[in-house]
Amino acid sequence: MKFRKPLGVLMKEAEETGEGTLKRTLGAGSLVALGIGAIIGAGLFVRTAAAAADHAGPSVTLSFILAAVGCGLAGLCYAEFASMIPIAGSAYTYSYATMGEVVAWVIGWDLVLEYAVGAATVSIAWSEYLNKLLETFGVSIPYELCHSPFQVSPEGVNGIINLPALFIVILLSLVLIRGTKESANINGIIVILKVAIVIAFILLGWSYINPVNHTPYIPVNVGEQEWVAGNKGFLDYFENDFGKFGMSGIISGAGVVFFAFIGFDAVSTAAQEAKNPKKDMPIGILVSLVICTVLYVLFSHVLTGVANYSEFATAGKEASVAFAIERYMPGYEWLSILITVAILAGFSSVILVMLLGQSRVFFSMSRDGLVPKIFSEVHPKYQTPYKSNLIFLVFVGLFAAFVPGDVVGDMTSIGTLFAFVLVCIGVIVMRRTDPHTPRAFKTPGMPYLPIIGALACLLMMIGLGKHNWERLIIWMALGFVIYFAYSVKHSVVRKQSRKDLN
């Protein structure tokens, strides 16, 4: 038995108002800003350089396009679900209605990787850029106090704790507790600032592009060439050469820069706080995704043209954008400072939206009995799930303070891609099981586009390599221990099912 959550129950929850419920304060403009706020951040300003240096070279622009295709197709599926089931919880809620409780739990647990671990990843990047800004004024935080214990500087200094990353998580968690509308207003201001800075870098940096840096556009992968020529076995190639430039590098690069698109689905977690969710949710999801894709392709083209991609593996590894400006755009040192300030603000909005998304997913899971009730307790004055915010403050804070950024970044990507695969499948299932339910927005090209979307996301998961698959499997195993130890006994749907049988 699947233990699906009936659509009628979901719609009734969506219509609830008053004490113990979330407040509807967000319009279409706020939702688009929320999406852009979540999307433009560490993925663009940090992961772009990492993907270029380690995987794709200048063809990281093609990685962005591949990632955008996967996200766009998943976004169409999200938009249909969000217009149909306007309730907090995102992919978790959608899968509960379509594929049953077990799949819903898998996605809900998986979304912790996207939102909570993602927020930790961005807070670590925030710490890097804060240090870069302070260095401009002749001040720097000691290496030990802004890096993980698992990191060692070129001079041999061991990290102890990342205090700036922990600080920003605490600050933004307190802002979220204060209220969704206030958080959205702060986010809106930050969005205007960081989009302006991205556009400024594209326009000013375009004239500093050195064509030599784009040659060859797709760096050679010798192992890949040997495999294609039949001189190397697939397993040997996949183990040792896959993703290290060449065509496979574009695929691996897409898996890395995919982190840059994480956030558009965070819009769907706020469905229960949207004024007119059936109309505004698809707008918020799709418009934010289109705007960011255009900016990403242009930005990565300029960044890899101004500085050679190989430099992002060494001197320009941290705070790569500021490095490129200072090294290759003389006279624009002021832009470096301004862009660093904007990046810090931009990272802050990403962390804000991810923390919001995480607490809303667990809000829904708690109301369904799959996690303890403390996660759905709403503040009597601010009408926010404040206890959930405080719990995730501790969880995210520990990751931010003690785990390296590259590890948590790839964990976030593979977890989110897995959720996207299930959403693409779920929209096909829902069309078959509930064909007559009203849909304000319909995914076109059924079932082909959702299938292509699922395959594109699966391809990017493969590109992230076996170590991230191992981490995903361990994370899922831990989730199932919790599910069978707690959730099965407290599930509201299961209790109702047993009552109906009796």
Protein backbone atom coordinates (compact mmCIF):
# COMPACT_ATOMS: atom_id res chain seq x y z
CA MET A 1 0.00 0.00 0.00
CA LYS A 2 1.42 3.39 -1.05
CA PHE A 3 -0.27 5.53 1.65
CA ARG A 4 -0.83 8.48 -0.66
CA LYS A 5 -2.01 11.74 0.82
CA PRO A 6 -5.41 12.56 -0.76
CA LEU A 7 -5.55 15.70 -2.88
CA GLY A 8 -8.70 16.79 -1.05
CA VAL A 9 -6.81 16.85 2.25
CA LEU A 10 -3.98 18.86 0.67
CA MET A 11 -6.38 21.43 -0.78
CA LYS A 12 -8.13 21.78 2.59
CA GLU A 13 -4.76 22.46 4.26
CA ALA A 14 -3.96 25.05 1.58
CA GLU A 15 -7.15 26.95 2.39
CA GLU A 16 -6.60 27.03 6.17
CA THR A 17 -6.04 30.41 7.80
CA GLY A 18 -5.61 31.73 11.32
CA GLU A 19 -3.52 30.59 14.26
CA GLY A 20 -1.04 27.80 13.59
CA THR A 21 -0.93 28.46 9.85
CA LEU A 22 1.48 30.37 7.60
CA LYS A 23 0.61 33.91 6.55
CA ARG A 24 -0.14 34.67 2.84
CA THR A 25 1.97 37.76 2.10
CA LEU A 26 3.85 37.08 -1.18
CA GLY A 27 2.80 38.26 -4.67
CA ALA A 28 4.22 37.27 -8.10
CA GLY A 29 6.96 39.93 -7.96
CA SER A 30 8.08 38.79 -4.52
CA LEU A 31 8.16 35.17 -5.72
CA VAL A 32 10.30 36.03 -8.78
CA ALA A 33 12.64 38.00 -6.50
CA LEU A 34 12.66 35.06 -4.07
CA GLY A 35 13.69 32.76 -6.93
CA ILE A 36 16.44 35.09 -8.21
CA GLY A 37 17.52 35.66 -4.60
CA ALA A 38 18.01 31.93 -4.12
CA ILE A 39 19.52 31.22 -7.54
CA ILE A 40 22.19 33.90 -8.02
CA GLY A 41 24.84 33.28 -5.39
CA ALA A 42 27.61 30.83 -4.60
CA GLY A 43 26.84 28.75 -7.67
CA LEU A 44 27.66 31.65 -9.98
CA PHE A 45 30.41 33.39 -8.04
CA VAL A 46 32.25 30.30 -6.72
CA ARG A 47 31.16 27.09 -8.50
CA THR A 48 31.64 28.60 -11.99
CA ALA A 49 35.37 28.94 -11.44
CA ALA A 50 35.60 25.47 -9.83
CA ALA A 51 33.79 23.83 -12.76
CA ALA A 52 35.99 25.64 -15.30
CA ALA A 53 39.25 24.80 -13.50
CA ASP A 54 38.55 21.12 -12.80
CA HIS A 55 36.14 19.96 -15.49
CA ALA A 56 35.08 22.07 -18.46
CA GLY A 57 37.48 24.96 -19.06
CA PRO A 58 35.91 27.76 -21.18
CA SER A 59 33.12 25.35 -22.21
CA VAL A 60 31.63 25.82 -18.74
CA THR A 61 29.12 27.96 -20.66
CA LEU A 62 27.89 24.72 -22.29
CA SER A 63 27.74 23.14 -18.83
CA PHE A 64 25.43 25.97 -17.78
CA ILE A 65 23.21 25.38 -20.81
CA LEU A 66 22.99 21.63 -20.07
CA ALA A 67 22.17 22.34 -16.43
CA ALA A 68 19.58 24.91 -17.51
CA VAL A 69 17.86 22.37 -19.78
CA GLY A 70 17.54 19.90 -16.91
CA CYS A 71 16.35 22.62 -14.53
CA GLY A 72 13.99 24.14 -17.08
CA LEU A 73 12.23 20.84 -17.75
CA ALA A 74 12.05 20.08 -14.03
CA GLY A 75 10.83 23.67 -13.55
CA LEU A 76 7.87 23.05 -15.88
CA CYS A 77 6.92 20.04 -13.75
CA TYR A 78 7.34 22.07 -10.56
CA ALA A 79 5.14 24.82 -12.03
CA GLU A 80 2.31 22.36 -12.75
CA PHE A 81 2.48 20.91 -9.26
CA ALA A 82 2.75 24.33 -7.58
CA SER A 83 -0.34 25.62 -9.41
CA MET A 84 -2.22 22.42 -8.60
CA ILE A 85 -1.18 21.88 -4.96
CA PRO A 86 -0.53 25.35 -3.48
CA ILE A 87 0.89 24.23 -0.15
CA ALA A 88 4.24 24.40 1.63
CA GLY A 89 6.64 21.50 1.13
CA SER A 90 7.70 21.62 -2.52
CA ALA A 91 8.63 18.27 -4.08
CA TYR A 92 7.90 16.47 -0.83
CA THR A 93 4.22 17.44 -0.89
CA TYR A 94 3.86 16.69 -4.60
CA SER A 95 5.34 13.21 -4.27
CA TYR A 96 3.13 12.42 -1.25
CA ALA A 97 0.08 12.98 -3.44
CA THR A 98 1.44 11.07 -6.43
CA MET A 99 3.84 8.31 -5.44
CA GLY A 100 3.08 7.70 -1.79
CA GLU A 101 4.65 8.15 1.62
CA VAL A 102 7.92 6.25 1.13
CA VAL A 103 8.89 8.30 -1.95
CA ALA A 104 7.70 11.46 -0.16
CA TRP A 105 9.99 10.66 2.75
CA VAL A 106 12.92 10.01 0.40
CA ILE A 107 12.41 13.43 -1.23
CA GLY A 108 11.78 15.24 2.06
CA TRP A 109 14.96 13.78 3.54
CA ASP A 110 16.77 14.46 0.27
CA LEU A 111 15.73 18.12 0.38
CA VAL A 112 17.75 18.51 3.59
CA LEU A 113 20.77 18.12 1.30
CA GLU A 114 19.44 20.84 -0.99
CA TYR A 115 18.39 23.45 1.52
CA ALA A 116 20.21 22.88 4.81
CA VAL A 117 23.51 21.60 3.40
CA GLY A 118 23.16 24.09 0.53
CA ALA A 119 22.83 26.96 3.02
CA ALA A 120 26.02 25.71 4.71
CA THR A 121 27.83 25.67 1.35
CA VAL A 122 26.88 29.26 0.61
CA SER A 123 27.77 30.44 4.10
CA ILE A 124 31.28 29.00 3.58
CA ALA A 125 31.55 30.96 0.31
CA TRP A 126 30.29 34.04 2.20
CA SER A 127 33.20 33.59 4.61
CA GLU A 128 35.72 33.46 1.72
CA TYR A 129 34.46 36.72 0.21
CA LEU A 130 34.28 38.45 3.59
CA ASN A 131 37.98 37.70 4.06
CA LYS A 132 38.67 39.05 0.55
CA LEU A 133 36.84 42.28 1.41
CA LEU A 134 38.68 42.71 4.72
CA GLU A 135 42.06 42.16 2.99
CA THR A 136 41.26 45.17 0.79
CA PHE A 137 41.35 47.27 3.96
CA GLY A 138 44.49 45.60 5.31
CA VAL A 139 42.66 43.29 7.75
CA SER A 140 42.34 39.50 7.61
CA ILE A 141 40.77 36.80 9.74
CA PRO A 142 43.33 34.18 10.85
CA TYR A 143 43.19 31.05 8.65
CA GLU A 144 42.38 28.87 11.66
CA LEU A 145 39.19 30.85 12.39
CA CYS A 146 37.71 30.94 8.87
CA HIS A 147 38.37 27.39 7.64
CA SER A 148 37.27 23.85 8.43
CA PRO A 149 39.48 21.53 10.54
CA PHE A 150 39.80 19.42 7.35
CA GLN A 151 41.50 22.27 5.45
CA VAL A 152 45.20 23.19 5.46
CA SER A 153 46.68 26.39 4.00
CA PRO A 154 49.60 26.33 1.51
CA GLU A 155 51.77 27.42 4.46
CA GLY A 156 50.68 24.34 6.47
CA VAL A 157 48.25 26.10 8.85
CA ASN A 158 45.34 23.91 9.96
CA GLY A 159 41.80 25.28 10.08
CA ILE A 160 39.87 25.04 13.37
CA ILE A 161 36.43 26.59 12.82
CA ASN A 162 34.76 28.82 10.22
CA LEU A 163 33.41 31.57 12.46
CA PRO A 164 32.18 33.98 9.72
CA ALA A 165 30.12 31.19 8.12
CA LEU A 166 28.58 30.35 11.49
CA PHE A 167 27.85 34.03 12.17
CA ILE A 168 25.87 34.61 8.96
CA VAL A 169 23.77 31.46 9.54
CA ILE A 170 22.83 32.67 13.04
CA LEU A 171 22.01 36.19 11.85
CA LEU A 172 19.77 35.10 8.95
CA SER A 173 17.98 32.45 11.00
CA LEU A 174 16.94 35.21 13.41
CA VAL A 175 15.71 37.34 10.47
CA LEU A 176 13.56 34.42 9.25
CA ILE A 177 12.01 33.96 12.67
CA ARG A 178 10.97 37.64 12.57
CA GLY A 179 8.73 37.05 9.54
CA THR A 180 8.42 35.95 5.89
CA LYS A 181 7.31 39.35 4.56
CA GLU A 182 10.21 41.15 6.27
CA SER A 183 12.61 38.50 4.91
CA ALA A 184 11.16 38.91 1.39
CA ASN A 185 11.57 42.72 1.56
CA ILE A 186 15.24 42.40 2.56
CA ASN A 187 15.71 39.81 -0.19
CA GLY A 188 14.15 42.12 -2.80
CA ILE A 189 16.67 44.89 -2.07
CA ILE A 190 19.58 42.43 -2.25
CA VAL A 191 18.32 40.98 -5.57
CA ILE A 192 18.37 44.41 -7.24
CA LEU A 193 21.90 44.99 -5.97
CA LYS A 194 23.42 41.68 -7.07
CA VAL A 195 21.72 41.58 -10.49
CA ALA A 196 23.07 45.09 -11.14
CA ILE A 197 26.58 43.93 -10.21
CA VAL A 198 26.40 40.82 -12.41
CA ILE A 199 25.32 42.97 -15.37
CA ALA A 200 28.09 45.51 -14.60
CA PHE A 201 30.73 42.74 -14.63
CA ILE A 202 29.42 41.40 -17.95
CA LEU A 203 29.37 44.83 -19.63
CA LEU A 204 32.70 46.09 -18.28
CA GLY A 205 34.52 42.76 -18.51
CA TRP A 206 33.49 42.06 -22.12
CA SER A 207 36.19 44.38 -23.52
CA TYR A 208 38.85 42.59 -21.40
CA ILE A 209 38.14 39.15 -22.86
CA ASN A 210 41.34 37.61 -24.26
CA PRO A 211 40.43 35.18 -27.10
CA VAL A 212 43.48 33.07 -26.17
CA ASN A 213 41.73 32.12 -22.92
CA HIS A 214 38.88 30.59 -24.93
CA THR A 215 41.23 28.43 -27.03
CA PRO A 216 40.64 25.53 -27.11
CA TYR A 217 37.04 26.08 -26.07
CA ILE A 218 36.71 22.42 -25.02
CA PRO A 219 40.07 21.35 -23.49
CA VAL A 220 41.32 17.94 -24.59
CA ASN A 221 40.70 14.84 -22.46
CA VAL A 222 43.34 12.32 -23.64
CA GLY A 223 41.72 9.40 -21.81
CA GLU A 224 38.39 10.20 -23.46
CA GLN A 225 40.02 10.23 -26.89
CA GLU A 226 41.66 6.86 -26.22
CA TRP A 227 38.31 5.38 -25.12
CA VAL A 228 36.55 6.70 -28.24
CA ALA A 229 39.36 5.25 -30.40
CA GLY A 230 38.92 1.88 -28.68
CA ASN A 231 42.33 1.93 -26.99
CA LYS A 232 40.97 2.12 -23.45
CA GLY A 233 38.16 0.25 -21.65
CA PHE A 234 35.08 2.13 -20.45
CA LEU A 235 35.57 1.29 -16.75
CA ASP A 236 39.18 2.48 -16.87
CA TYR A 237 38.10 5.67 -18.64
CA PHE A 238 35.18 6.28 -16.25
CA GLU A 239 37.31 5.67 -13.16
CA ASN A 240 40.32 7.77 -14.16
CA ASP A 241 39.42 10.24 -16.92
CA PHE A 242 35.68 10.93 -16.94
CA GLY A 243 34.88 14.57 -16.21
CA LYS A 244 38.44 15.83 -16.60
CA PHE A 245 37.76 18.11 -19.59
CA GLY A 246 36.55 17.00 -23.02
CA MET A 247 32.84 16.23 -23.56
CA SER A 248 32.59 14.39 -20.26
CA GLY A 249 34.01 17.51 -18.61
CA ILE A 250 31.01 19.48 -19.84
CA ILE A 251 28.71 16.88 -18.22
CA SER A 252 30.64 16.92 -14.94
CA GLY A 253 30.80 20.70 -15.10
CA ALA A 254 27.01 20.76 -15.47
CA GLY A 255 26.72 18.71 -12.28
CA VAL A 256 28.95 21.22 -10.47
CA VAL A 257 27.36 24.43 -11.81
CA PHE A 258 23.93 22.89 -11.31
CA PHE A 259 24.41 24.22 -7.78
CA ALA A 260 24.02 27.65 -9.37
CA PHE A 261 20.42 26.86 -10.32
CA ILE A 262 19.37 25.48 -6.97
CA GLY A 263 16.82 27.88 -5.61
CA PHE A 264 14.14 28.16 -8.29
CA ASP A 265 12.34 25.25 -6.64
CA ALA A 266 12.63 27.03 -3.28
CA VAL A 267 9.88 29.28 -4.62
CA SER A 268 7.53 26.29 -4.47
CA THR A 269 8.22 25.78 -0.75
CA ALA A 270 6.56 29.15 -0.10
CA ALA A 271 3.30 28.22 -1.88
CA GLN A 272 1.33 28.44 1.37
CA GLU A 273 2.52 32.01 1.84
CA ALA A 274 1.63 33.18 -1.71
CA LYS A 275 -1.40 35.44 -2.16
CA ASN A 276 -2.54 33.79 -5.42
CA PRO A 277 -0.46 30.58 -5.67
CA LYS A 278 -2.21 29.01 -8.68
CA LYS A 279 -1.29 31.98 -10.88
CA ASP A 280 1.84 33.35 -9.19
CA MET A 281 3.79 30.15 -8.46
CA PRO A 282 4.45 29.22 -12.14
CA ILE A 283 5.45 32.84 -12.83
CA GLY A 284 7.84 32.89 -9.86
CA ILE A 285 9.48 29.58 -10.81
CA LEU A 286 9.86 29.98 -14.58
CA VAL A 287 10.62 33.71 -14.86
CA SER A 288 13.37 33.55 -12.22
CA LEU A 289 14.89 30.53 -13.99
CA VAL A 290 14.95 32.21 -17.44
CA ILE A 291 16.46 35.46 -16.15
CA CYS A 292 19.22 33.64 -14.29
CA THR A 293 20.11 31.30 -17.19
CA VAL A 294 20.79 34.23 -19.54
CA LEU A 295 22.92 35.98 -16.92
CA TYR A 296 24.85 32.77 -16.14
CA VAL A 297 25.91 32.01 -19.70
CA LEU A 298 27.08 35.59 -20.29
CA PHE A 299 28.84 35.79 -16.91
CA SER A 300 30.77 32.52 -17.34
CA HIS A 301 31.80 33.52 -20.88
CA VAL A 302 33.27 36.78 -19.59
CA LEU A 303 34.91 35.26 -16.50
CA THR A 304 36.77 32.54 -18.46
CA GLY A 305 37.69 35.10 -21.11
CA VAL A 306 39.15 37.65 -18.69
CA ALA A 307 41.24 35.07 -16.78
CA ASN A 308 42.50 31.67 -17.94
CA TYR A 309 40.48 28.82 -16.45
CA SER A 310 43.65 27.12 -15.12
CA GLU A 311 44.24 30.02 -12.74
CA PHE A 312 41.02 29.20 -10.90
CA ALA A 313 42.67 26.00 -9.67
CA THR A 314 45.43 27.93 -7.89
CA ALA A 315 45.66 31.67 -7.18
CA GLY A 316 42.08 32.46 -8.13
CA LYS A 317 40.44 29.52 -6.36
CA GLU A 318 38.84 31.58 -3.59
CA ALA A 319 36.95 34.76 -4.47
CA SER A 320 37.52 34.07 -8.19
CA VAL A 321 35.59 37.07 -9.55
CA ALA A 322 37.50 39.55 -7.41
CA PHE A 323 40.75 37.85 -8.46
CA ALA A 324 39.94 38.19 -12.19
CA ILE A 325 39.09 41.88 -11.84
CA GLU A 326 42.15 42.78 -9.77
CA ARG A 327 44.57 40.82 -11.99
CA TYR A 328 43.25 41.57 -15.48
CA MET A 329 41.01 44.65 -15.33
CA PRO A 330 43.30 47.54 -14.28
CA GLY A 331 41.46 50.66 -13.19
CA TYR A 332 38.46 48.70 -11.98
CA GLU A 333 39.70 47.95 -8.46
CA TRP A 334 36.60 49.81 -7.22
CA LEU A 335 34.48 47.25 -9.07
CA SER A 336 36.28 44.46 -7.24
CA ILE A 337 35.34 46.00 -3.88
CA LEU A 338 31.78 46.72 -5.01
CA ILE A 339 31.30 43.25 -6.46
CA THR A 340 32.62 41.66 -3.27
CA VAL A 341 30.10 43.64 -1.20
CA ALA A 342 27.31 42.69 -3.63
CA ILE A 343 28.38 39.04 -3.56
CA LEU A 344 28.26 39.04 0.24
CA ALA A 345 24.77 40.50 0.09
CA GLY A 346 23.81 38.04 -2.63
CA PHE A 347 25.07 35.07 -0.66
CA SER A 348 23.06 36.32 2.29
CA SER A 349 19.83 36.24 0.29
CA VAL A 350 20.59 32.70 -0.94
CA ILE A 351 21.16 31.47 2.61
CA LEU A 352 17.96 33.24 3.67
CA VAL A 353 15.84 31.52 1.01
CA MET A 354 17.43 28.10 1.58
CA LEU A 355 16.81 28.29 5.32
CA LEU A 356 13.23 29.36 4.58
CA GLY A 357 12.78 26.44 2.18
CA GLN A 358 14.17 23.92 4.67
CA SER A 359 11.91 24.99 7.50
CA ARG A 360 8.83 24.93 5.20
CA VAL A 361 9.57 21.38 3.98
CA PHE A 362 9.88 20.13 7.55
CA PHE A 363 6.78 22.17 8.49
CA SER A 364 4.78 20.03 6.04
CA MET A 365 6.50 16.80 7.08
CA SER A 366 5.78 17.57 10.72
CA ARG A 367 2.08 18.19 10.08
CA ASP A 368 2.02 14.80 8.35
CA GLY A 369 3.60 13.15 11.41
CA LEU A 370 6.81 12.10 9.64
CA VAL A 371 9.02 14.29 11.84
CA PRO A 372 8.32 15.58 15.38
CA LYS A 373 5.64 18.23 15.98
CA ILE A 374 8.23 20.77 17.10
CA PHE A 375 9.00 21.46 13.41
CA SER A 376 5.45 22.74 12.75
CA GLU A 377 5.01 24.88 15.87
CA VAL A 378 4.28 28.43 14.70
CA HIS A 379 5.30 31.57 16.61
CA PRO A 380 2.16 33.18 18.14
CA LYS A 381 3.14 36.68 16.98
CA TYR A 382 5.28 36.26 13.83
CA GLN A 383 3.46 33.18 12.41
CA THR A 384 6.74 31.52 11.42
CA PRO A 385 7.98 28.00 12.32
CA TYR A 386 10.51 29.47 14.74
CA LYS A 387 11.52 26.27 16.56
CA SER A 388 12.28 24.62 13.22
CA ASN A 389 14.42 27.63 12.29
CA LEU A 390 16.36 27.33 15.55
CA ILE A 391 16.96 23.58 15.10
CA PHE A 392 18.27 24.09 11.57
CA LEU A 393 20.37 26.99 12.79
CA VAL A 394 22.30 24.44 14.87
CA PHE A 395 22.42 21.80 12.09
CA VAL A 396 23.46 24.19 9.31
CA GLY A 397 25.82 26.03 11.65
CA LEU A 398 27.74 22.83 12.42
CA PHE A 399 28.19 22.05 8.70
CA ALA A 400 29.19 25.64 7.96
CA ALA A 401 31.72 25.76 10.79
CA PHE A 402 33.39 22.36 10.36
CA VAL A 403 32.96 20.94 6.81
CA PRO A 404 34.85 22.09 3.63
CA GLY A 405 32.77 23.91 0.97
CA ASP A 406 33.52 21.61 -1.99
CA VAL A 407 32.27 18.53 -0.11
CA VAL A 408 28.94 20.04 0.94
CA GLY A 409 28.50 21.72 -2.46
CA ASP A 410 28.53 18.47 -4.45
CA MET A 411 26.36 16.74 -1.81
CA THR A 412 23.81 19.49 -2.31
CA SER A 413 23.84 19.08 -6.10
CA ILE A 414 23.39 15.31 -6.18
CA GLY A 415 20.63 15.44 -3.58
CA THR A 416 18.72 18.11 -5.47
CA LEU A 417 19.12 16.36 -8.83
CA PHE A 418 17.64 13.21 -7.32
CA ALA A 419 14.62 15.21 -6.11
CA PHE A 420 14.21 16.72 -9.60
CA VAL A 421 14.21 13.25 -11.20
CA LEU A 422 11.36 12.19 -8.90
CA VAL A 423 9.38 15.40 -9.57
CA CYS A 424 9.62 14.81 -13.34
CA ILE A 425 8.33 11.26 -12.86
CA GLY A 426 5.68 12.44 -10.40
CA VAL A 427 4.01 14.84 -12.83
CA ILE A 428 3.53 11.94 -15.30
CA VAL A 429 2.06 9.75 -12.55
CA MET A 430 -0.31 12.54 -11.43
CA ARG A 431 -1.63 13.01 -14.98
CA ARG A 432 -2.60 9.32 -14.99
CA THR A 433 -3.95 9.00 -11.43
CA ASP A 434 -5.72 12.39 -11.17
CA PRO A 435 -6.43 13.51 -14.75
CA HIS A 436 -9.48 15.62 -13.87
CA THR A 437 -7.96 17.75 -11.10
CA PRO A 438 -7.84 21.44 -12.24
CA ARG A 439 -4.38 22.64 -13.28
CA ALA A 440 -3.79 26.39 -13.70
CA PHE A 441 -0.55 25.50 -15.51
CA LYS A 442 0.14 22.35 -17.55
CA THR A 443 3.56 20.97 -18.43
CA PRO A 444 3.71 20.87 -22.25
CA GLY A 445 4.94 17.91 -24.30
CA MET A 446 3.69 15.20 -21.94
CA PRO A 447 5.15 12.71 -21.24
CA TYR A 448 8.25 13.39 -23.36
CA LEU A 449 9.55 16.62 -21.79
CA PRO A 450 9.36 15.30 -18.20
CA ILE A 451 11.15 12.10 -19.31
CA ILE A 452 13.90 14.15 -21.01
CA GLY A 453 14.12 16.30 -17.85
CA ALA A 454 14.55 13.21 -15.64
CA LEU A 455 17.25 11.81 -17.97
CA ALA A 456 19.11 15.16 -18.09
CA CYS A 457 19.17 15.33 -14.28
CA LEU A 458 20.28 11.68 -14.06
CA LEU A 459 23.12 12.43 -16.51
CA MET A 460 24.33 15.27 -14.28
CA MET A 461 24.16 12.96 -11.26
CA ILE A 462 26.44 10.49 -13.07
CA GLY A 463 28.80 13.37 -13.85
CA LEU A 464 29.29 14.07 -10.13
CA GLY A 465 31.23 10.81 -9.70
CA LYS A 466 31.08 7.78 -7.44
CA HIS A 467 32.12 9.51 -4.19
CA ASN A 468 29.02 11.69 -4.25
CA TRP A 469 26.87 8.64 -5.05
CA GLU A 470 28.38 6.94 -1.99
CA ARG A 471 27.56 9.97 0.18
CA LEU A 472 24.00 10.03 -1.20
CA ILE A 473 23.49 6.33 -0.43
CA ILE A 474 24.80 6.76 3.14
CA TRP A 475 22.54 9.81 3.65
CA MET A 476 19.50 7.90 2.33
CA ALA A 477 20.30 4.89 4.54
CA LEU A 478 20.35 7.18 7.58
CA GLY A 479 17.02 8.64 6.46
CA PHE A 480 15.39 5.20 6.24
CA VAL A 481 16.54 4.36 9.77
CA ILE A 482 14.68 7.46 11.02
CA TYR A 483 11.65 6.71 8.82
CA PHE A 484 11.14 3.16 10.11
CA ALA A 485 12.05 4.05 13.71
CA TYR A 486 9.80 7.15 13.99
CA SER A 487 7.80 8.19 10.93
CA VAL A 488 5.94 4.91 10.29
CA LYS A 489 4.54 4.99 13.85
CA HIS A 490 3.46 8.65 13.76
CA SER A 491 2.28 9.06 10.14
CA VAL A 492 -1.10 10.82 10.03
CA VAL A 493 -2.01 9.13 6.73
CA ARG A 494 -1.18 5.67 8.12
CA LYS A 495 -3.20 6.33 11.29
CA GLN A 496 -6.19 7.45 9.20
CA SER A 497 -5.82 4.37 7.00
CA ARG A 498 -5.86 2.07 10.02
CA LYS A 499 -8.91 3.90 11.41
CA ASP A 500 -10.75 3.52 8.09
CA LEU A 501 -10.01 -0.24 8.04
CA ASN A 502 -11.42 -0.62 11.53
